[in-house]
Amino acid sequence: MSLEHSCREFRPTVLAPTGPLIVPAVIAEPGQPELSLVVPTLNEAENIADFLAAVRRTLDACLPGRYEVIVVDDDSADGTGVIAAGLMESFPQLRVVSRHQEAGLAAAVIRGWQLSRGRTLGTINADFQHPPAVLATMWERHTGSLTVATRHSDGGGLGDWGVRRRILSWGANRIGRCLLPEACARVSDPLSGCYLLRREVIAGIELRPLGYKSLLEILVRGNVREIHECGYQMHERERGYSKVRALQPLQYLRHMLRLRAAARERKT
């Protein structure tokens, strides 16, 4: 069976929302999940099945029957969305969303949250650089507004990252701490892509991220109070390829300047 035929047969029927990036409040209802975990994907066919199996093992152990996993796929050419959709029958907590004509990993995460039902929202990348097992410890510690998986404290680290990537990460952190000192001072890893937050932190607030980073967007625009952290060792991806492009640093700088203006507006 060709990939094109498979896409027609198994394509997810849920489409990502459009319009402003505003996460709604959810009224309590029977069977409402405690956690809605969004997994944004773009061409992760080599990882997605094993990754979702690892997430399921972790969440079944700490939140049996009380979570949902939402894959938001950016119309992956390698069939990532097709593979994920094929797992839904045997994974009842899994939902797959297809996103078209919109770019940016951070926006994909928020689109997933817009469709979610959980009291707690979360995100994790599908490339195994964030180990799924860290979710269990994060859930145990999640007693405040926000819980962040960190590479820079609590035993965390950059693992087998090369020198170039370490320098780029250090530079991005320095830019963030110079332009947004108050927000960045609240967490040891303000660029983390793996975290949990209470829905009420961002419910009803329009978010405006650019590119790949969403945590600083939440720290600046959201109503974040108590924060906890959980260390983890980040690793280079073993399968697939990085989605980082030359435009990302420019997007990041534009995003930081936008957030700097938003932070100043909140003070006035």
C-alpha atoms as a PDB file:
ATOM      1  CA  MET A   1       0.000   0.000   0.000  1.00  0.00           C
ATOM      2  CA  SER A   2       1.442   3.383  -0.998  1.00  0.00           C
ATOM      3  CA  LEU A   3       1.959   6.174   1.514  1.00  0.00           C
ATOM      4  CA  GLU A   4      -0.468   8.333  -0.462  1.00  0.00           C
ATOM      5  CA  HIS A   5      -3.175   5.652  -0.243  1.00  0.00           C
ATOM      6  CA  SER A   6      -2.457   5.154   3.469  1.00  0.00           C
ATOM      7  CA  CYS A   7      -2.831   8.892   4.093  1.00  0.00           C
ATOM      8  CA  ARG A   8      -6.240   8.902   2.411  1.00  0.00           C
ATOM      9  CA  GLU A   9      -7.387   5.897   4.415  1.00  0.00           C
ATOM     10  CA  PHE A  10      -6.047   6.835   7.853  1.00  0.00           C
ATOM     11  CA  ARG A  11      -5.717  10.640   7.756  1.00  0.00           C
ATOM     12  CA  PRO A  12      -6.805  12.123  11.104  1.00  0.00           C
ATOM     13  CA  THR A  13     -10.257  13.677  10.948  1.00  0.00           C
ATOM     14  CA  VAL A  14      -9.491  16.297  13.618  1.00  0.00           C
ATOM     15  CA  LEU A  15      -8.080  19.499  12.182  1.00  0.00           C
ATOM     16  CA  ALA A  16      -6.173  22.037  14.234  1.00  0.00           C
ATOM     17  CA  PRO A  17      -8.070  25.194  15.197  1.00  0.00           C
ATOM     18  CA  THR A  18      -7.361  28.455  13.434  1.00  0.00           C
ATOM     19  CA  GLY A  19      -7.568  32.041  14.594  1.00  0.00           C
ATOM     20  CA  PRO A  20      -6.128  33.556  17.777  1.00  0.00           C
ATOM     21  CA  LEU A  21      -4.007  31.305  19.998  1.00  0.00           C
ATOM     22  CA  ILE A  22      -6.282  31.378  23.028  1.00  0.00           C
ATOM     23  CA  VAL A  23      -6.678  28.323  25.272  1.00  0.00           C
ATOM     24  CA  PRO A  24     -10.205  28.120  26.703  1.00  0.00           C
ATOM     25  CA  ALA A  25     -11.152  27.291  30.248  1.00  0.00           C
ATOM     26  CA  VAL A  26     -12.763  23.883  30.610  1.00  0.00           C
ATOM     27  CA  ILE A  27     -15.829  23.212  32.738  1.00  0.00           C
ATOM     28  CA  ALA A  28     -15.421  20.117  34.936  1.00  0.00           C
ATOM     29  CA  GLU A  29     -17.172  17.092  33.486  1.00  0.00           C
ATOM     30  CA  PRO A  30     -17.279  13.358  34.246  1.00  0.00           C
ATOM     31  CA  GLY A  31     -14.225  11.558  32.921  1.00  0.00           C
ATOM     32  CA  GLN A  32     -12.259  14.751  32.413  1.00  0.00           C
ATOM     33  CA  PRO A  33      -8.533  13.890  32.155  1.00  0.00           C
ATOM     34  CA  GLU A  34      -6.137  15.265  34.728  1.00  0.00           C
ATOM     35  CA  LEU A  35      -3.408  15.786  32.114  1.00  0.00           C
ATOM     36  CA  SER A  36      -3.469  16.744  28.442  1.00  0.00           C
ATOM     37  CA  LEU A  37       0.000  16.177  26.968  1.00  0.00           C
ATOM     38  CA  VAL A  38       0.667  17.666  23.524  1.00  0.00           C
ATOM     39  CA  VAL A  39       3.327  16.143  21.271  1.00  0.00           C
ATOM     40  CA  PRO A  40       4.106  18.382  18.256  1.00  0.00           C
ATOM     41  CA  THR A  41       5.509  16.477  15.288  1.00  0.00           C
ATOM     42  CA  LEU A  42       7.095  17.139  11.907  1.00  0.00           C
ATOM     43  CA  ASN A  43       8.641  14.210  10.049  1.00  0.00           C
ATOM     44  CA  GLU A  44       9.161  11.971  13.080  1.00  0.00           C
ATOM     45  CA  ALA A  45       8.136   8.694  11.434  1.00  0.00           C
ATOM     46  CA  GLU A  46      11.243   6.945  12.742  1.00  0.00           C
ATOM     47  CA  ASN A  47      10.441   7.878  16.347  1.00  0.00           C
ATOM     48  CA  ILE A  48       6.712   8.350  16.829  1.00  0.00           C
ATOM     49  CA  ALA A  49       5.537   4.778  17.505  1.00  0.00           C
ATOM     50  CA  ASP A  50       8.306   3.980  20.002  1.00  0.00           C
ATOM     51  CA  PHE A  51       7.993   7.413  21.586  1.00  0.00           C
ATOM     52  CA  LEU A  52       4.249   7.145  22.142  1.00  0.00           C
ATOM     53  CA  ALA A  53       4.700   3.640  23.579  1.00  0.00           C
ATOM     54  CA  ALA A  54       7.228   5.037  26.088  1.00  0.00           C
ATOM     55  CA  VAL A  55       4.920   7.927  27.019  1.00  0.00           C
ATOM     56  CA  ARG A  56       2.047   5.496  27.489  1.00  0.00           C
ATOM     57  CA  ARG A  57       4.062   3.252  29.800  1.00  0.00           C
ATOM     58  CA  THR A  58       5.048   6.233  31.921  1.00  0.00           C
ATOM     59  CA  LEU A  59       1.600   7.795  32.168  1.00  0.00           C
ATOM     60  CA  ASP A  60      -0.214   4.480  32.665  1.00  0.00           C
ATOM     61  CA  ALA A  61       1.929   3.957  35.740  1.00  0.00           C
ATOM     62  CA  CYS A  62       1.375   7.390  37.335  1.00  0.00           C
ATOM     63  CA  LEU A  63      -1.987   8.481  35.872  1.00  0.00           C
ATOM     64  CA  PRO A  64      -3.872   5.345  34.799  1.00  0.00           C
ATOM     65  CA  GLY A  65      -6.922   6.310  32.748  1.00  0.00           C
ATOM     66  CA  ARG A  66      -6.613   9.992  33.715  1.00  0.00           C
ATOM     67  CA  TYR A  67      -4.674  11.492  30.830  1.00  0.00           C
ATOM     68  CA  GLU A  68      -4.825  12.167  27.105  1.00  0.00           C
ATOM     69  CA  VAL A  69      -2.006  12.478  24.576  1.00  0.00           C
ATOM     70  CA  ILE A  70      -2.573  14.811  21.627  1.00  0.00           C
ATOM     71  CA  VAL A  71      -0.222  14.530  18.651  1.00  0.00           C
ATOM     72  CA  VAL A  72      -0.307  17.708  16.547  1.00  0.00           C
ATOM     73  CA  ASP A  73       1.253  16.813  13.217  1.00  0.00           C
ATOM     74  CA  ASP A  74       2.316  19.449  10.698  1.00  0.00           C
ATOM     75  CA  ASP A  75       1.233  17.432   7.644  1.00  0.00           C
ATOM     76  CA  SER A  76       4.475  15.434   7.746  1.00  0.00           C
ATOM     77  CA  ALA A  77       5.665  14.253   4.352  1.00  0.00           C
ATOM     78  CA  ASP A  78       7.079  11.061   5.890  1.00  0.00           C
ATOM     79  CA  GLY A  79       3.688   9.901   7.192  1.00  0.00           C
ATOM     80  CA  THR A  80       4.175  10.646  10.894  1.00  0.00           C
ATOM     81  CA  GLY A  81       0.508  11.563  11.267  1.00  0.00           C
ATOM     82  CA  VAL A  82      -0.544   8.393   9.464  1.00  0.00           C
ATOM     83  CA  ILE A  83       1.510   6.232  11.809  1.00  0.00           C
ATOM     84  CA  ALA A  84       0.180   8.009  14.886  1.00  0.00           C
ATOM     85  CA  ALA A  85      -3.420   7.758  13.674  1.00  0.00           C
ATOM     86  CA  GLY A  86      -2.954   4.043  13.139  1.00  0.00           C
ATOM     87  CA  LEU A  87      -2.185   3.663  16.849  1.00  0.00           C
ATOM     88  CA  MET A  88      -5.399   5.272  18.091  1.00  0.00           C
ATOM     89  CA  GLU A  89      -7.490   2.108  18.012  1.00  0.00           C
ATOM     90  CA  SER A  90      -5.188   0.354  20.480  1.00  0.00           C
ATOM     91  CA  PHE A  91      -4.347   3.526  22.451  1.00  0.00           C
ATOM     92  CA  PRO A  92      -7.662   5.051  23.585  1.00  0.00           C
ATOM     93  CA  GLN A  93      -5.982   8.034  25.305  1.00  0.00           C
ATOM     94  CA  LEU A  94      -4.391   9.122  22.008  1.00  0.00           C
ATOM     95  CA  ARG A  95      -5.778  11.826  19.720  1.00  0.00           C
ATOM     96  CA  VAL A  96      -4.165  12.976  16.473  1.00  0.00           C
ATOM     97  CA  VAL A  97      -4.586  16.467  15.062  1.00  0.00           C
ATOM     98  CA  SER A  98      -3.516  17.599  11.598  1.00  0.00           C
ATOM     99  CA  ARG A  99      -2.256  21.163  11.171  1.00  0.00           C
ATOM    100  CA  HIS A 100      -1.934  22.897   7.792  1.00  0.00           C
ATOM    101  CA  GLN A 101      -0.627  26.246   6.559  1.00  0.00           C
ATOM    102  CA  GLU A 102       0.745  27.345   9.922  1.00  0.00           C
ATOM    103  CA  ALA A 103       4.343  27.121  11.063  1.00  0.00           C
ATOM    104  CA  GLY A 104       6.129  27.020  14.392  1.00  0.00           C
ATOM    105  CA  LEU A 105       6.421  24.306  16.999  1.00  0.00           C
ATOM    106  CA  ALA A 106       5.245  26.631  19.783  1.00  0.00           C
ATOM    107  CA  ALA A 107       2.018  27.427  17.948  1.00  0.00           C
ATOM    108  CA  ALA A 108       1.445  23.711  17.324  1.00  0.00           C
ATOM    109  CA  VAL A 109       1.599  23.073  21.071  1.00  0.00           C
ATOM    110  CA  ILE A 110      -1.005  25.759  21.755  1.00  0.00           C
ATOM    111  CA  ARG A 111      -3.289  24.424  19.000  1.00  0.00           C
ATOM    112  CA  GLY A 112      -3.245  21.084  20.779  1.00  0.00           C
ATOM    113  CA  TRP A 113      -4.086  22.712  24.094  1.00  0.00           C
ATOM    114  CA  GLN A 114      -7.027  24.469  22.443  1.00  0.00           C
ATOM    115  CA  LEU A 115      -8.553  21.036  21.761  1.00  0.00           C
ATOM    116  CA  SER A 116      -7.592  19.527  25.111  1.00  0.00           C
ATOM    117  CA  ARG A 117      -9.843  18.717  28.085  1.00  0.00           C
ATOM    118  CA  GLY A 118      -7.358  18.340  30.928  1.00  0.00           C
ATOM    119  CA  ARG A 119      -6.974  20.446  34.044  1.00  0.00           C
ATOM    120  CA  THR A 120      -3.204  20.306  33.569  1.00  0.00           C
ATOM    121  CA  LEU A 121      -1.544  20.955  30.200  1.00  0.00           C
ATOM    122  CA  GLY A 122       1.854  19.723  29.105  1.00  0.00           C
ATOM    123  CA  THR A 123       4.189  19.310  26.177  1.00  0.00           C
ATOM    124  CA  ILE A 124       7.133  17.115  25.222  1.00  0.00           C
ATOM    125  CA  ASN A 125       9.014  16.634  21.941  1.00  0.00           C
ATOM    126  CA  ALA A 126       8.853  13.342  20.049  1.00  0.00           C
ATOM    127  CA  ASP A 127      12.571  12.941  19.300  1.00  0.00           C
ATOM    128  CA  PHE A 128      13.559  11.325  22.654  1.00  0.00           C
ATOM    129  CA  GLN A 129      15.769  14.282  23.580  1.00  0.00           C
ATOM    130  CA  HIS A 130      13.333  14.668  26.460  1.00  0.00           C
ATOM    131  CA  PRO A 131      13.159  11.186  28.014  1.00  0.00           C
ATOM    132  CA  PRO A 132       9.474  10.234  28.484  1.00  0.00           C
ATOM    133  CA  ALA A 133      10.285   8.804  31.928  1.00  0.00           C
ATOM    134  CA  VAL A 134      10.836  12.360  33.244  1.00  0.00           C
ATOM    135  CA  LEU A 135       7.067  12.908  33.044  1.00  0.00           C
ATOM    136  CA  ALA A 136       6.500  10.702  36.103  1.00  0.00           C
ATOM    137  CA  THR A 137       8.744  12.800  38.338  1.00  0.00           C
ATOM    138  CA  MET A 138       7.321  16.001  36.907  1.00  0.00           C
ATOM    139  CA  TRP A 139       3.813  14.867  37.764  1.00  0.00           C
ATOM    140  CA  GLU A 140       4.834  14.053  41.330  1.00  0.00           C
ATOM    141  CA  ARG A 141       6.248  17.553  41.754  1.00  0.00           C
ATOM    142  CA  HIS A 142       3.436  19.374  39.996  1.00  0.00           C
ATOM    143  CA  THR A 143       1.786  21.076  42.955  1.00  0.00           C
ATOM    144  CA  GLY A 144       2.116  24.670  41.735  1.00  0.00           C
ATOM    145  CA  SER A 145       1.363  26.622  38.559  1.00  0.00           C
ATOM    146  CA  LEU A 146       4.216  25.288  36.465  1.00  0.00           C
ATOM    147  CA  THR A 147       6.690  22.384  36.494  1.00  0.00           C
ATOM    148  CA  VAL A 148       9.674  22.588  34.130  1.00  0.00           C
ATOM    149  CA  ALA A 149      12.027  19.846  32.974  1.00  0.00           C
ATOM    150  CA  THR A 150      15.468  21.437  33.274  1.00  0.00           C
ATOM    151  CA  ARG A 151      18.922  20.733  31.904  1.00  0.00           C
ATOM    152  CA  HIS A 152      20.598  23.210  34.244  1.00  0.00           C
ATOM    153  CA  SER A 153      19.808  22.127  37.812  1.00  0.00           C
ATOM    154  CA  ASP A 154      18.570  19.228  39.948  1.00  0.00           C
ATOM    155  CA  GLY A 155      20.980  16.783  38.295  1.00  0.00           C
ATOM    156  CA  GLY A 156      20.099  17.824  34.752  1.00  0.00           C
ATOM    157  CA  GLY A 157      22.612  18.155  31.956  1.00  0.00           C
ATOM    158  CA  LEU A 158      23.286  18.399  28.230  1.00  0.00           C
ATOM    159  CA  GLY A 159      24.390  14.790  27.927  1.00  0.00           C
ATOM    160  CA  ASP A 160      26.224  14.079  24.674  1.00  0.00           C
ATOM    161  CA  TRP A 161      25.658  17.454  23.031  1.00  0.00           C
ATOM    162  CA  GLY A 162      28.513  18.700  20.878  1.00  0.00           C
ATOM    163  CA  VAL A 163      30.458  21.909  21.460  1.00  0.00           C
ATOM    164  CA  ARG A 164      28.635  23.859  18.737  1.00  0.00           C
ATOM    165  CA  ARG A 165      25.203  23.088  20.112  1.00  0.00           C
ATOM    166  CA  ARG A 166      26.297  23.887  23.661  1.00  0.00           C
ATOM    167  CA  ILE A 167      27.545  27.301  22.494  1.00  0.00           C
ATOM    168  CA  LEU A 168      24.287  28.009  20.626  1.00  0.00           C
ATOM    169  CA  SER A 169      22.248  27.031  23.678  1.00  0.00           C
ATOM    170  CA  TRP A 170      24.410  29.204  25.943  1.00  0.00           C
ATOM    171  CA  GLY A 171      24.030  32.136  23.547  1.00  0.00           C
ATOM    172  CA  ALA A 172      20.240  31.781  23.376  1.00  0.00           C
ATOM    173  CA  ASN A 173      20.070  31.672  27.167  1.00  0.00           C
ATOM    174  CA  ARG A 174      22.201  34.802  27.454  1.00  0.00           C
ATOM    175  CA  ILE A 175      20.013  36.694  24.992  1.00  0.00           C
ATOM    176  CA  GLY A 176      16.907  35.668  26.901  1.00  0.00           C
ATOM    177  CA  ARG A 177      18.362  36.678  30.262  1.00  0.00           C
ATOM    178  CA  CYS A 178      19.496  40.049  28.899  1.00  0.00           C
ATOM    179  CA  LEU A 179      16.170  40.922  27.266  1.00  0.00           C
ATOM    180  CA  LEU A 180      13.839  39.250  29.792  1.00  0.00           C
ATOM    181  CA  PRO A 181      15.784  39.161  33.057  1.00  0.00           C
ATOM    182  CA  GLU A 182      12.788  38.908  35.389  1.00  0.00           C
ATOM    183  CA  ALA A 183      11.094  36.056  33.498  1.00  0.00           C
ATOM    184  CA  CYS A 184      14.330  34.114  32.969  1.00  0.00           C
ATOM    185  CA  ALA A 185      15.313  34.480  36.624  1.00  0.00           C
ATOM    186  CA  ARG A 186      12.278  32.431  37.627  1.00  0.00           C
ATOM    187  CA  VAL A 187      13.535  29.167  36.088  1.00  0.00           C
ATOM    188  CA  SER A 188      16.953  27.624  35.491  1.00  0.00           C
ATOM    189  CA  ASP A 189      16.026  26.509  31.940  1.00  0.00           C
ATOM    190  CA  PRO A 190      13.745  29.148  30.361  1.00  0.00           C
ATOM    191  CA  LEU A 191      14.153  27.550  26.918  1.00  0.00           C
ATOM    192  CA  SER A 192      12.896  24.131  27.996  1.00  0.00           C
ATOM    193  CA  GLY A 193      10.453  22.450  25.637  1.00  0.00           C
ATOM    194  CA  CYS A 194       9.080  20.052  28.260  1.00  0.00           C
ATOM    195  CA  TYR A 195       6.833  21.319  31.046  1.00  0.00           C
ATOM    196  CA  LEU A 196       3.447  21.045  32.766  1.00  0.00           C
ATOM    197  CA  LEU A 197       1.158  23.927  33.731  1.00  0.00           C
ATOM    198  CA  ARG A 198      -2.268  24.477  35.229  1.00  0.00           C
ATOM    199  CA  ARG A 199      -4.819  25.414  32.578  1.00  0.00           C
ATOM    200  CA  GLU A 200      -5.839  28.550  34.461  1.00  0.00           C
ATOM    201  CA  VAL A 201      -2.320  29.960  33.999  1.00  0.00           C
ATOM    202  CA  ILE A 202      -3.079  30.773  30.353  1.00  0.00           C
ATOM    203  CA  ALA A 203      -6.854  30.271  29.915  1.00  0.00           C
ATOM    204  CA  GLY A 204      -8.381  33.188  28.021  1.00  0.00           C
ATOM    205  CA  ILE A 205      -5.027  34.871  27.291  1.00  0.00           C
ATOM    206  CA  GLU A 206      -3.949  35.378  23.690  1.00  0.00           C
ATOM    207  CA  LEU A 207      -0.488  33.893  23.150  1.00  0.00           C
ATOM    208  CA  ARG A 208       1.737  35.072  20.296  1.00  0.00           C
ATOM    209  CA  PRO A 209       4.810  32.830  20.034  1.00  0.00           C
ATOM    210  CA  LEU A 210       7.264  32.813  17.157  1.00  0.00           C
ATOM    211  CA  GLY A 211       9.253  29.735  16.205  1.00  0.00           C
ATOM    212  CA  TYR A 212      10.093  26.941  18.618  1.00  0.00           C
ATOM    213  CA  LYS A 213      10.043  28.364  22.144  1.00  0.00           C
ATOM    214  CA  SER A 214       6.846  28.584  24.182  1.00  0.00           C
ATOM    215  CA  LEU A 215       7.879  28.546  27.848  1.00  0.00           C
ATOM    216  CA  LEU A 216       9.004  32.184  27.957  1.00  0.00           C
ATOM    217  CA  GLU A 217       5.739  33.138  26.278  1.00  0.00           C
ATOM    218  CA  ILE A 218       3.907  31.581  29.218  1.00  0.00           C
ATOM    219  CA  LEU A 219       6.216  33.106  31.828  1.00  0.00           C
ATOM    220  CA  VAL A 220       5.640  36.595  30.418  1.00  0.00           C
ATOM    221  CA  ARG A 221       1.976  36.504  29.386  1.00  0.00           C
ATOM    222  CA  GLY A 222       0.579  33.886  31.768  1.00  0.00           C
ATOM    223  CA  ASN A 223      -0.414  34.058  35.412  1.00  0.00           C
ATOM    224  CA  VAL A 224       2.419  31.914  36.761  1.00  0.00           C
ATOM    225  CA  ARG A 225       2.859  31.682  40.513  1.00  0.00           C
ATOM    226  CA  GLU A 226       4.654  28.752  42.139  1.00  0.00           C
ATOM    227  CA  ILE A 227       7.204  26.970  39.925  1.00  0.00           C
ATOM    228  CA  HIS A 228       8.895  23.595  40.405  1.00  0.00           C
ATOM    229  CA  GLU A 229      11.684  22.010  38.382  1.00  0.00           C
ATOM    230  CA  CYS A 230      12.788  18.497  37.516  1.00  0.00           C
ATOM    231  CA  GLY A 231      16.266  17.738  36.173  1.00  0.00           C
ATOM    232  CA  TYR A 232      16.910  15.497  33.179  1.00  0.00           C
ATOM    233  CA  GLN A 233      19.786  14.606  30.901  1.00  0.00           C
ATOM    234  CA  MET A 234      19.190  15.799  27.344  1.00  0.00           C
ATOM    235  CA  HIS A 235      20.683  13.832  24.463  1.00  0.00           C
ATOM    236  CA  GLU A 236      21.245  14.235  20.753  1.00  0.00           C
ATOM    237  CA  ARG A 237      18.553  12.583  18.672  1.00  0.00           C
ATOM    238  CA  GLU A 238      19.415   9.084  17.477  1.00  0.00           C
ATOM    239  CA  ARG A 239      16.880   8.835  14.626  1.00  0.00           C
ATOM    240  CA  GLY A 240      15.480  11.383  12.210  1.00  0.00           C
ATOM    241  CA  TYR A 241      16.895  14.857  11.754  1.00  0.00           C
ATOM    242  CA  SER A 242      16.776  18.185  13.529  1.00  0.00           C
ATOM    243  CA  LYS A 243      14.143  20.719  12.405  1.00  0.00           C
ATOM    244  CA  VAL A 244      16.326  23.691  13.371  1.00  0.00           C
ATOM    245  CA  ARG A 245      16.724  26.013  10.396  1.00  0.00           C
ATOM    246  CA  ALA A 246      18.810  29.104   9.741  1.00  0.00           C
ATOM    247  CA  LEU A 247      15.761  31.320  10.376  1.00  0.00           C
ATOM    248  CA  GLN A 248      15.330  30.107  13.948  1.00  0.00           C
ATOM    249  CA  PRO A 249      17.816  32.523  15.605  1.00  0.00           C
ATOM    250  CA  LEU A 250      16.124  35.475  13.881  1.00  0.00           C
ATOM    251  CA  GLN A 251      12.689  34.225  14.962  1.00  0.00           C
ATOM    252  CA  TYR A 252      13.973  33.764  18.488  1.00  0.00           C
ATOM    253  CA  LEU A 253      15.313  37.320  18.671  1.00  0.00           C
ATOM    254  CA  ARG A 254      12.060  38.730  17.275  1.00  0.00           C
ATOM    255  CA  HIS A 255      10.121  36.709  19.834  1.00  0.00           C
ATOM    256  CA  MET A 256      12.282  37.953  22.705  1.00  0.00           C
ATOM    257  CA  LEU A 257      11.830  41.573  21.616  1.00  0.00           C
ATOM    258  CA  ARG A 258       8.078  41.054  21.349  1.00  0.00           C
ATOM    259  CA  LEU A 259       7.986  39.548  24.846  1.00  0.00           C
ATOM    260  CA  ARG A 260      10.138  42.374  26.210  1.00  0.00           C
ATOM    261  CA  ALA A 261       7.526  44.865  24.996  1.00  0.00           C
ATOM    262  CA  ALA A 262       4.722  42.727  26.470  1.00  0.00           C
ATOM    263  CA  ALA A 263       6.508  42.514  29.832  1.00  0.00           C
ATOM    264  CA  ARG A 264       6.874  46.301  29.933  1.00  0.00           C
ATOM    265  CA  GLU A 265       3.171  46.741  29.123  1.00  0.00           C
ATOM    266  CA  ARG A 266       2.216  44.466  32.025  1.00  0.00           C
ATOM    267  CA  LYS A 267       4.216  46.635  34.419  1.00  0.00           C
ATOM    268  CA  THR A 268       2.384  49.820  33.424  1.00  0.00           C
END
